[in-house]
Amino acid sequence: MPVTVKSKSKVFISTVLPGSCVLCKGSVSHHNNCLCNLCIANLPWLLNKCPRCSIPFAPNKLCPDCQKTPPVFRRCISAVEYKIGAVDKLIMNIKRNPFCPEIEELSRLLAHTIEQAYQGTCIPGIIIPVPLHWRKLMSRGFNQSSSIARIVASHFSHTKVHENLFIRPKHSSPQHLKTKKQRMLDMCNVFTMYIGHNKVQGDAQLTFSGKSVAIVDDVVTTGATVNALARTLLNSGAKYVDIWSIARTGWHNAS
């Protein structure tokens, strides 16, 4: 990638005004945003996982759930395992502040994970951020999944983020208090495709027909939300749907 004025400015600023790591307060190199190289290396990277749903799984083979009832999406690609500590702190920050440097850092790490996962194969050209219900969007003021999607897309050519094509008209209670079965039931018909203010029918086929699509979210827990959106996309004509997320929860949160 050629050196741009922006990248040169970043090097200059980081040299004159070096930043500190948000986790250990150590020095941050100009290649990074808010994490030092040691803290990045110590993140719980998903090295052993189910190749379908990306849940941490030591044998690195299909997990029992995917063998019994596979999700409708083709594959899930996640960078790290969601754990209390460093990852939990970083994720909470990106949910609270749309301008925090953690969004840029974690999205960059996710883009690197995606690039490694698709070696020799085509990366989906359409990216869909998981939409929020309007109540949550109003209270939070932004959709962190949209921010992640835009940053990830900037790392790849021929990728485009399609925002506001889907809405989430059904408001549900906090999902982290529910079991996987309860989440799956809550997610039935939760997403509706819109373009502008007009509900889409035939145009959806033109938008996604025969194409590979990636859904972006910050954290995948049970997979109920992304599976529901993936089903909507497949019904709208998409050929394949993949999931991209910064973090994936383990078995303790997926039951």
C-alpha atoms as a PDB file:
ATOM      1  CA  MET A   1       0.000   0.000   0.000  1.00  0.00           C
ATOM      2  CA  PRO A   2       1.546   3.373  -0.985  1.00  0.00           C
ATOM      3  CA  VAL A   3       2.502   5.846   1.732  1.00  0.00           C
ATOM      4  CA  THR A   4      -0.088   8.628   1.857  1.00  0.00           C
ATOM      5  CA  VAL A   5      -0.003  12.108   3.357  1.00  0.00           C
ATOM      6  CA  LYS A   6      -2.339  10.834   6.066  1.00  0.00           C
ATOM      7  CA  SER A   7      -0.046   7.941   6.996  1.00  0.00           C
ATOM      8  CA  LYS A   8       3.003  10.257   7.018  1.00  0.00           C
ATOM      9  CA  SER A   9       1.140  12.641   9.315  1.00  0.00           C
ATOM     10  CA  LYS A  10       0.269   9.777  11.635  1.00  0.00           C
ATOM     11  CA  VAL A  11       3.935   8.759  11.895  1.00  0.00           C
ATOM     12  CA  PHE A  12       4.963  12.362  12.617  1.00  0.00           C
ATOM     13  CA  ILE A  13       2.283  12.899  15.264  1.00  0.00           C
ATOM     14  CA  SER A  14       3.000   9.570  16.984  1.00  0.00           C
ATOM     15  CA  THR A  15       6.700  10.479  17.106  1.00  0.00           C
ATOM     16  CA  VAL A  16       6.146  13.954  18.539  1.00  0.00           C
ATOM     17  CA  LEU A  17       3.179  13.012  20.739  1.00  0.00           C
ATOM     18  CA  PRO A  18       3.447   9.267  21.408  1.00  0.00           C
ATOM     19  CA  GLY A  19       0.265   7.637  22.644  1.00  0.00           C
ATOM     20  CA  SER A  20      -0.161   5.130  25.443  1.00  0.00           C
ATOM     21  CA  CYS A  21      -1.809   1.729  25.378  1.00  0.00           C
ATOM     22  CA  VAL A  22      -5.357   1.787  26.776  1.00  0.00           C
ATOM     23  CA  LEU A  23      -4.693  -1.516  28.549  1.00  0.00           C
ATOM     24  CA  CYS A  24      -1.158  -1.357  29.972  1.00  0.00           C
ATOM     25  CA  LYS A  25      -0.315   2.355  29.432  1.00  0.00           C
ATOM     26  CA  GLY A  26       2.834   1.355  27.541  1.00  0.00           C
ATOM     27  CA  SER A  27       4.067   3.048  24.375  1.00  0.00           C
ATOM     28  CA  VAL A  28       2.079   2.601  21.160  1.00  0.00           C
ATOM     29  CA  SER A  29       3.878   2.442  17.828  1.00  0.00           C
ATOM     30  CA  HIS A  30       2.700   4.532  14.888  1.00  0.00           C
ATOM     31  CA  HIS A  31       1.358   1.369  13.236  1.00  0.00           C
ATOM     32  CA  ASN A  32      -1.237   0.992  15.991  1.00  0.00           C
ATOM     33  CA  ASN A  33      -4.019   3.189  17.322  1.00  0.00           C
ATOM     34  CA  CYS A  34      -4.388   2.509  21.031  1.00  0.00           C
ATOM     35  CA  LEU A  35      -2.861  -0.887  21.803  1.00  0.00           C
ATOM     36  CA  CYS A  36       0.798  -1.787  22.132  1.00  0.00           C
ATOM     37  CA  ASN A  37       2.190  -4.772  20.272  1.00  0.00           C
ATOM     38  CA  LEU A  38       2.461  -6.853  23.461  1.00  0.00           C
ATOM     39  CA  CYS A  39      -1.191  -6.327  24.423  1.00  0.00           C
ATOM     40  CA  ILE A  40      -2.272  -7.149  20.865  1.00  0.00           C
ATOM     41  CA  ALA A  41      -0.232 -10.362  20.983  1.00  0.00           C
ATOM     42  CA  ASN A  42      -1.790 -11.260  24.348  1.00  0.00           C
ATOM     43  CA  LEU A  43      -5.387 -10.928  23.158  1.00  0.00           C
ATOM     44  CA  PRO A  44      -7.304 -14.246  23.219  1.00  0.00           C
ATOM     45  CA  TRP A  45      -6.970 -14.869  19.476  1.00  0.00           C
ATOM     46  CA  LEU A  46      -9.293 -17.510  18.053  1.00  0.00           C
ATOM     47  CA  LEU A  47      -6.810 -20.086  16.829  1.00  0.00           C
ATOM     48  CA  ASN A  48      -8.875 -23.200  17.586  1.00  0.00           C
ATOM     49  CA  LYS A  49     -12.492 -22.794  16.592  1.00  0.00           C
ATOM     50  CA  CYS A  50     -15.414 -24.336  14.759  1.00  0.00           C
ATOM     51  CA  PRO A  51     -14.893 -23.519  11.049  1.00  0.00           C
ATOM     52  CA  ARG A  52     -18.633 -22.894  10.613  1.00  0.00           C
ATOM     53  CA  CYS A  53     -19.765 -20.813  13.603  1.00  0.00           C
ATOM     54  CA  SER A  54     -16.309 -19.793  14.946  1.00  0.00           C
ATOM     55  CA  ILE A  55     -17.099 -20.791  18.517  1.00  0.00           C
ATOM     56  CA  PRO A  56     -13.886 -21.655  20.405  1.00  0.00           C
ATOM     57  CA  PHE A  57     -13.463 -25.394  19.889  1.00  0.00           C
ATOM     58  CA  ALA A  58     -10.219 -27.233  20.569  1.00  0.00           C
ATOM     59  CA  PRO A  59     -10.407 -29.916  17.847  1.00  0.00           C
ATOM     60  CA  ASN A  60     -10.720 -27.154  15.202  1.00  0.00           C
ATOM     61  CA  LYS A  61     -13.561 -29.153  13.626  1.00  0.00           C
ATOM     62  CA  LEU A  62     -17.316 -28.688  13.377  1.00  0.00           C
ATOM     63  CA  CYS A  63     -18.774 -28.204  16.840  1.00  0.00           C
ATOM     64  CA  PRO A  64     -21.671 -30.440  17.981  1.00  0.00           C
ATOM     65  CA  ASP A  65     -24.241 -27.667  17.420  1.00  0.00           C
ATOM     66  CA  CYS A  66     -23.166 -27.126  13.808  1.00  0.00           C
ATOM     67  CA  GLN A  67     -23.194 -30.871  13.192  1.00  0.00           C
ATOM     68  CA  LYS A  68     -26.705 -31.192  14.602  1.00  0.00           C
ATOM     69  CA  THR A  69     -28.310 -27.916  13.444  1.00  0.00           C
ATOM     70  CA  PRO A  70     -25.979 -25.897  11.197  1.00  0.00           C
ATOM     71  CA  PRO A  71     -26.635 -22.158  10.850  1.00  0.00           C
ATOM     72  CA  VAL A  72     -27.854 -20.772   7.544  1.00  0.00           C
ATOM     73  CA  PHE A  73     -24.733 -18.632   7.089  1.00  0.00           C
ATOM     74  CA  ARG A  74     -21.723 -20.170   5.317  1.00  0.00           C
ATOM     75  CA  ARG A  75     -19.087 -19.301   7.914  1.00  0.00           C
ATOM     76  CA  CYS A  76     -18.314 -16.961  10.786  1.00  0.00           C
ATOM     77  CA  ILE A  77     -14.952 -15.204  10.998  1.00  0.00           C
ATOM     78  CA  SER A  78     -14.081 -13.690  14.375  1.00  0.00           C
ATOM     79  CA  ALA A  79     -10.786 -12.289  15.549  1.00  0.00           C
ATOM     80  CA  VAL A  80     -10.794 -12.945  19.299  1.00  0.00           C
ATOM     81  CA  GLU A  81     -12.718 -14.778  21.980  1.00  0.00           C
ATOM     82  CA  TYR A  82     -14.956 -12.580  24.109  1.00  0.00           C
ATOM     83  CA  LYS A  83     -13.673 -12.755  27.678  1.00  0.00           C
ATOM     84  CA  ILE A  84     -13.990 -10.614  30.772  1.00  0.00           C
ATOM     85  CA  GLY A  85     -10.870  -8.481  30.969  1.00  0.00           C
ATOM     86  CA  ALA A  86      -9.087  -6.877  28.025  1.00  0.00           C
ATOM     87  CA  VAL A  87     -11.612  -7.797  25.300  1.00  0.00           C
ATOM     88  CA  ASP A  88     -14.614  -6.951  27.482  1.00  0.00           C
ATOM     89  CA  LYS A  89     -13.131  -3.526  28.253  1.00  0.00           C
ATOM     90  CA  LEU A  90     -12.345  -2.788  24.609  1.00  0.00           C
ATOM     91  CA  ILE A  91     -15.789  -3.870  23.379  1.00  0.00           C
ATOM     92  CA  MET A  92     -17.572  -1.825  26.055  1.00  0.00           C
ATOM     93  CA  ASN A  93     -15.646   1.253  24.945  1.00  0.00           C
ATOM     94  CA  ILE A  94     -16.730   0.917  21.309  1.00  0.00           C
ATOM     95  CA  LYS A  95     -20.354   0.549  22.408  1.00  0.00           C
ATOM     96  CA  ARG A  96     -20.174   3.789  24.382  1.00  0.00           C
ATOM     97  CA  ASN A  97     -18.063   6.105  22.260  1.00  0.00           C
ATOM     98  CA  PRO A  98     -18.233   6.301  18.437  1.00  0.00           C
ATOM     99  CA  PHE A  99     -14.955   8.239  18.328  1.00  0.00           C
ATOM    100  CA  CYS A 100     -12.850   6.047  20.595  1.00  0.00           C
ATOM    101  CA  PRO A 101      -9.594   4.743  19.063  1.00  0.00           C
ATOM    102  CA  GLU A 102     -10.558   1.182  19.995  1.00  0.00           C
ATOM    103  CA  ILE A 103     -12.998   1.036  17.057  1.00  0.00           C
ATOM    104  CA  GLU A 104     -10.224   1.735  14.553  1.00  0.00           C
ATOM    105  CA  GLU A 105      -7.807  -0.666  16.260  1.00  0.00           C
ATOM    106  CA  LEU A 106     -10.177  -3.614  16.635  1.00  0.00           C
ATOM    107  CA  SER A 107     -11.598  -3.136  13.141  1.00  0.00           C
ATOM    108  CA  ARG A 108      -8.082  -3.174  11.715  1.00  0.00           C
ATOM    109  CA  LEU A 109      -7.330  -6.415  13.547  1.00  0.00           C
ATOM    110  CA  LEU A 110     -10.589  -7.902  12.260  1.00  0.00           C
ATOM    111  CA  ALA A 111      -9.695  -6.886   8.686  1.00  0.00           C
ATOM    112  CA  HIS A 112      -6.351  -8.675   9.059  1.00  0.00           C
ATOM    113  CA  THR A 113      -8.145 -11.796  10.333  1.00  0.00           C
ATOM    114  CA  ILE A 114     -10.553 -11.664   7.385  1.00  0.00           C
ATOM    115  CA  GLU A 115      -7.692 -11.294   4.904  1.00  0.00           C
ATOM    116  CA  GLN A 116      -6.001 -14.398   6.315  1.00  0.00           C
ATOM    117  CA  ALA A 117      -9.261 -16.385   6.284  1.00  0.00           C
ATOM    118  CA  TYR A 118      -9.968 -15.717   2.598  1.00  0.00           C
ATOM    119  CA  GLN A 119      -6.545 -16.530   1.188  1.00  0.00           C
ATOM    120  CA  GLY A 120      -7.068 -17.757  -2.355  1.00  0.00           C
ATOM    121  CA  THR A 121     -10.823 -17.101  -2.285  1.00  0.00           C
ATOM    122  CA  CYS A 122     -12.993 -14.085  -3.025  1.00  0.00           C
ATOM    123  CA  ILE A 123     -13.976 -11.749  -0.213  1.00  0.00           C
ATOM    124  CA  PRO A 124     -17.687 -10.796  -0.258  1.00  0.00           C
ATOM    125  CA  GLY A 125     -18.204  -7.450  -1.957  1.00  0.00           C
ATOM    126  CA  ILE A 126     -21.337  -6.456  -0.038  1.00  0.00           C
ATOM    127  CA  ILE A 127     -21.156  -5.691   3.687  1.00  0.00           C
ATOM    128  CA  ILE A 128     -24.239  -5.334   5.877  1.00  0.00           C
ATOM    129  CA  PRO A 129     -23.906  -4.002   9.445  1.00  0.00           C
ATOM    130  CA  VAL A 130     -26.322  -5.551  11.924  1.00  0.00           C
ATOM    131  CA  PRO A 131     -29.031  -2.896  12.425  1.00  0.00           C
ATOM    132  CA  LEU A 132     -30.205  -1.705  15.838  1.00  0.00           C
ATOM    133  CA  HIS A 133     -33.793  -1.184  16.873  1.00  0.00           C
ATOM    134  CA  TRP A 134     -34.624   2.524  16.709  1.00  0.00           C
ATOM    135  CA  ARG A 135     -34.999   2.767  20.496  1.00  0.00           C
ATOM    136  CA  LYS A 136     -31.469   1.498  21.095  1.00  0.00           C
ATOM    137  CA  LEU A 137     -30.148   3.638  18.253  1.00  0.00           C
ATOM    138  CA  MET A 138     -31.758   6.719  19.770  1.00  0.00           C
ATOM    139  CA  SER A 139     -30.410   6.005  23.259  1.00  0.00           C
ATOM    140  CA  ARG A 140     -26.900   5.108  22.072  1.00  0.00           C
ATOM    141  CA  GLY A 141     -26.724   7.672  19.279  1.00  0.00           C
ATOM    142  CA  PHE A 142     -24.832   5.449  16.835  1.00  0.00           C
ATOM    143  CA  ASN A 143     -24.508   1.891  15.561  1.00  0.00           C
ATOM    144  CA  GLN A 144     -21.080   0.499  16.382  1.00  0.00           C
ATOM    145  CA  SER A 145     -21.521  -2.269  13.789  1.00  0.00           C
ATOM    146  CA  SER A 146     -21.797   0.369  11.059  1.00  0.00           C
ATOM    147  CA  SER A 147     -18.561   1.999  12.226  1.00  0.00           C
ATOM    148  CA  ILE A 148     -16.769  -1.348  12.209  1.00  0.00           C
ATOM    149  CA  ALA A 149     -18.145  -2.213   8.766  1.00  0.00           C
ATOM    150  CA  ARG A 150     -16.942   1.046   7.226  1.00  0.00           C
ATOM    151  CA  ILE A 151     -13.430   0.684   8.633  1.00  0.00           C
ATOM    152  CA  VAL A 152     -13.160  -2.971   7.581  1.00  0.00           C
ATOM    153  CA  ALA A 153     -14.395  -2.135   4.074  1.00  0.00           C
ATOM    154  CA  SER A 154     -11.687   0.516   3.715  1.00  0.00           C
ATOM    155  CA  HIS A 155      -9.056  -2.229   3.935  1.00  0.00           C
ATOM    156  CA  PHE A 156     -10.372  -4.058   0.871  1.00  0.00           C
ATOM    157  CA  SER A 157     -10.995  -3.068  -2.709  1.00  0.00           C
ATOM    158  CA  HIS A 158     -14.328  -3.813  -4.382  1.00  0.00           C
ATOM    159  CA  THR A 159     -16.221  -3.914  -1.078  1.00  0.00           C
ATOM    160  CA  LYS A 160     -19.138  -1.655  -0.280  1.00  0.00           C
ATOM    161  CA  VAL A 161     -21.101  -1.123   2.911  1.00  0.00           C
ATOM    162  CA  HIS A 162     -24.877  -1.078   2.481  1.00  0.00           C
ATOM    163  CA  GLU A 163     -26.407   0.681   5.465  1.00  0.00           C
ATOM    164  CA  ASN A 164     -30.088   1.308   6.121  1.00  0.00           C
ATOM    165  CA  LEU A 165     -31.229  -1.493   3.814  1.00  0.00           C
ATOM    166  CA  PHE A 166     -32.583  -3.367   6.799  1.00  0.00           C
ATOM    167  CA  ILE A 167     -34.500  -2.244   9.853  1.00  0.00           C
ATOM    168  CA  ARG A 168     -35.224  -4.009  13.095  1.00  0.00           C
ATOM    169  CA  PRO A 169     -38.873  -3.167  13.818  1.00  0.00           C
ATOM    170  CA  LYS A 170     -39.203  -5.734  16.593  1.00  0.00           C
ATOM    171  CA  HIS A 171     -37.834  -4.589  19.956  1.00  0.00           C
ATOM    172  CA  SER A 172     -36.711  -7.357  22.285  1.00  0.00           C
ATOM    173  CA  SER A 173     -35.507  -7.407  25.869  1.00  0.00           C
ATOM    174  CA  PRO A 174     -31.754  -7.663  26.612  1.00  0.00           C
ATOM    175  CA  GLN A 175     -30.398 -10.761  24.867  1.00  0.00           C
ATOM    176  CA  HIS A 176     -27.531 -11.453  27.276  1.00  0.00           C
ATOM    177  CA  LEU A 177     -30.044 -12.617  29.912  1.00  0.00           C
ATOM    178  CA  LYS A 178     -31.539 -15.291  27.645  1.00  0.00           C
ATOM    179  CA  THR A 179     -30.618 -18.809  26.614  1.00  0.00           C
ATOM    180  CA  LYS A 180     -29.730 -19.692  23.047  1.00  0.00           C
ATOM    181  CA  LYS A 181     -33.178 -21.227  22.502  1.00  0.00           C
ATOM    182  CA  GLN A 182     -34.915 -18.082  23.778  1.00  0.00           C
ATOM    183  CA  ARG A 183     -32.757 -15.900  21.519  1.00  0.00           C
ATOM    184  CA  MET A 184     -33.529 -18.015  18.475  1.00  0.00           C
ATOM    185  CA  LEU A 185     -37.272 -17.651  19.146  1.00  0.00           C
ATOM    186  CA  ASP A 186     -36.923 -13.893  19.652  1.00  0.00           C
ATOM    187  CA  MET A 187     -35.120 -13.482  16.342  1.00  0.00           C
ATOM    188  CA  CYS A 188     -37.858 -15.002  14.176  1.00  0.00           C
ATOM    189  CA  ASN A 189     -38.799 -12.484  11.450  1.00  0.00           C
ATOM    190  CA  VAL A 190     -37.031  -9.683  13.340  1.00  0.00           C
ATOM    191  CA  PHE A 191     -35.473  -7.989  10.281  1.00  0.00           C
ATOM    192  CA  THR A 192     -37.233  -6.256   7.393  1.00  0.00           C
ATOM    193  CA  MET A 193     -35.581  -4.974   4.233  1.00  0.00           C
ATOM    194  CA  TYR A 194     -36.247  -1.364   3.263  1.00  0.00           C
ATOM    195  CA  ILE A 195     -34.783   1.056   0.747  1.00  0.00           C
ATOM    196  CA  GLY A 196     -35.647   4.608   1.651  1.00  0.00           C
ATOM    197  CA  HIS A 197     -39.150   4.548   3.059  1.00  0.00           C
ATOM    198  CA  ASN A 198     -40.488   1.862   0.724  1.00  0.00           C
ATOM    199  CA  LYS A 199     -40.605  -1.781   1.677  1.00  0.00           C
ATOM    200  CA  VAL A 200     -38.616  -3.786  -0.860  1.00  0.00           C
ATOM    201  CA  GLN A 201     -39.838  -6.867  -2.641  1.00  0.00           C
ATOM    202  CA  GLY A 202     -38.531  -7.334  -6.190  1.00  0.00           C
ATOM    203  CA  ASP A 203     -35.627  -4.882  -5.807  1.00  0.00           C
ATOM    204  CA  ALA A 204     -34.106  -7.081  -3.135  1.00  0.00           C
ATOM    205  CA  GLN A 205     -33.515  -9.794  -5.704  1.00  0.00           C
ATOM    206  CA  LEU A 206     -31.649  -7.304  -7.908  1.00  0.00           C
ATOM    207  CA  THR A 207     -29.497  -6.079  -5.012  1.00  0.00           C
ATOM    208  CA  PHE A 208     -28.285  -9.452  -3.732  1.00  0.00           C
ATOM    209  CA  SER A 209     -29.044 -11.939  -6.503  1.00  0.00           C
ATOM    210  CA  GLY A 210     -26.223 -14.474  -6.796  1.00  0.00           C
ATOM    211  CA  LYS A 211     -23.836 -12.405  -4.655  1.00  0.00           C
ATOM    212  CA  SER A 212     -21.816 -13.170  -1.538  1.00  0.00           C
ATOM    213  CA  VAL A 213     -22.621 -10.946   1.421  1.00  0.00           C
ATOM    214  CA  ALA A 214     -20.885 -10.363   4.747  1.00  0.00           C
ATOM    215  CA  ILE A 215     -22.735  -9.368   7.923  1.00  0.00           C
ATOM    216  CA  VAL A 216     -20.686  -7.336  10.409  1.00  0.00           C
ATOM    217  CA  ASP A 217     -21.219  -7.173  14.171  1.00  0.00           C
ATOM    218  CA  ASP A 218     -19.038  -6.398  17.170  1.00  0.00           C
ATOM    219  CA  VAL A 219     -19.757  -9.596  19.123  1.00  0.00           C
ATOM    220  CA  VAL A 220     -21.458 -12.850  18.150  1.00  0.00           C
ATOM    221  CA  THR A 221     -22.853 -14.661  21.181  1.00  0.00           C
ATOM    222  CA  THR A 222     -25.304 -17.421  20.293  1.00  0.00           C
ATOM    223  CA  GLY A 223     -25.430 -16.448  16.625  1.00  0.00           C
ATOM    224  CA  ALA A 224     -29.196 -15.984  16.736  1.00  0.00           C
ATOM    225  CA  THR A 225     -29.150 -12.371  15.517  1.00  0.00           C
ATOM    226  CA  VAL A 226     -26.730 -12.857  12.622  1.00  0.00           C
ATOM    227  CA  ASN A 227     -28.424 -16.126  11.633  1.00  0.00           C
ATOM    228  CA  ALA A 228     -31.786 -14.342  11.398  1.00  0.00           C
ATOM    229  CA  LEU A 229     -30.311 -11.564   9.253  1.00  0.00           C
ATOM    230  CA  ALA A 230     -28.488 -14.132   7.107  1.00  0.00           C
ATOM    231  CA  ARG A 231     -31.779 -15.929   6.474  1.00  0.00           C
ATOM    232  CA  THR A 232     -33.374 -12.643   5.366  1.00  0.00           C
ATOM    233  CA  LEU A 233     -30.473 -12.022   2.966  1.00  0.00           C
ATOM    234  CA  LEU A 234     -30.667 -15.539   1.506  1.00  0.00           C
ATOM    235  CA  ASN A 235     -34.406 -15.099   1.018  1.00  0.00           C
ATOM    236  CA  SER A 236     -33.578 -11.852  -0.783  1.00  0.00           C
ATOM    237  CA  GLY A 237     -31.427 -13.670  -3.336  1.00  0.00           C
ATOM    238  CA  ALA A 238     -27.939 -13.774  -1.785  1.00  0.00           C
ATOM    239  CA  LYS A 239     -25.870 -16.796  -2.787  1.00  0.00           C
ATOM    240  CA  TYR A 240     -23.765 -16.996   0.364  1.00  0.00           C
ATOM    241  CA  VAL A 241     -23.727 -15.094   3.629  1.00  0.00           C
ATOM    242  CA  ASP A 242     -20.673 -14.905   5.892  1.00  0.00           C
ATOM    243  CA  ILE A 243     -20.418 -13.353   9.361  1.00  0.00           C
ATOM    244  CA  TRP A 244     -17.571 -11.059  10.434  1.00  0.00           C
ATOM    245  CA  SER A 245     -17.216 -10.082  14.073  1.00  0.00           C
ATOM    246  CA  ILE A 246     -14.509  -8.728  16.306  1.00  0.00           C
ATOM    247  CA  ALA A 247     -15.283 -11.200  19.089  1.00  0.00           C
ATOM    248  CA  ARG A 248     -17.024 -14.547  19.549  1.00  0.00           C
ATOM    249  CA  THR A 249     -18.234 -15.882  22.873  1.00  0.00           C
ATOM    250  CA  GLY A 250     -17.339 -19.335  24.147  1.00  0.00           C
ATOM    251  CA  TRP A 251     -19.491 -22.234  25.287  1.00  0.00           C
ATOM    252  CA  HIS A 252     -20.236 -20.608  28.652  1.00  0.00           C
ATOM    253  CA  ASN A 253     -22.304 -17.887  26.904  1.00  0.00           C
ATOM    254  CA  ALA A 254     -23.723 -19.889  24.006  1.00  0.00           C
ATOM    255  CA  SER A 255     -26.060 -22.255  25.852  1.00  0.00           C
END
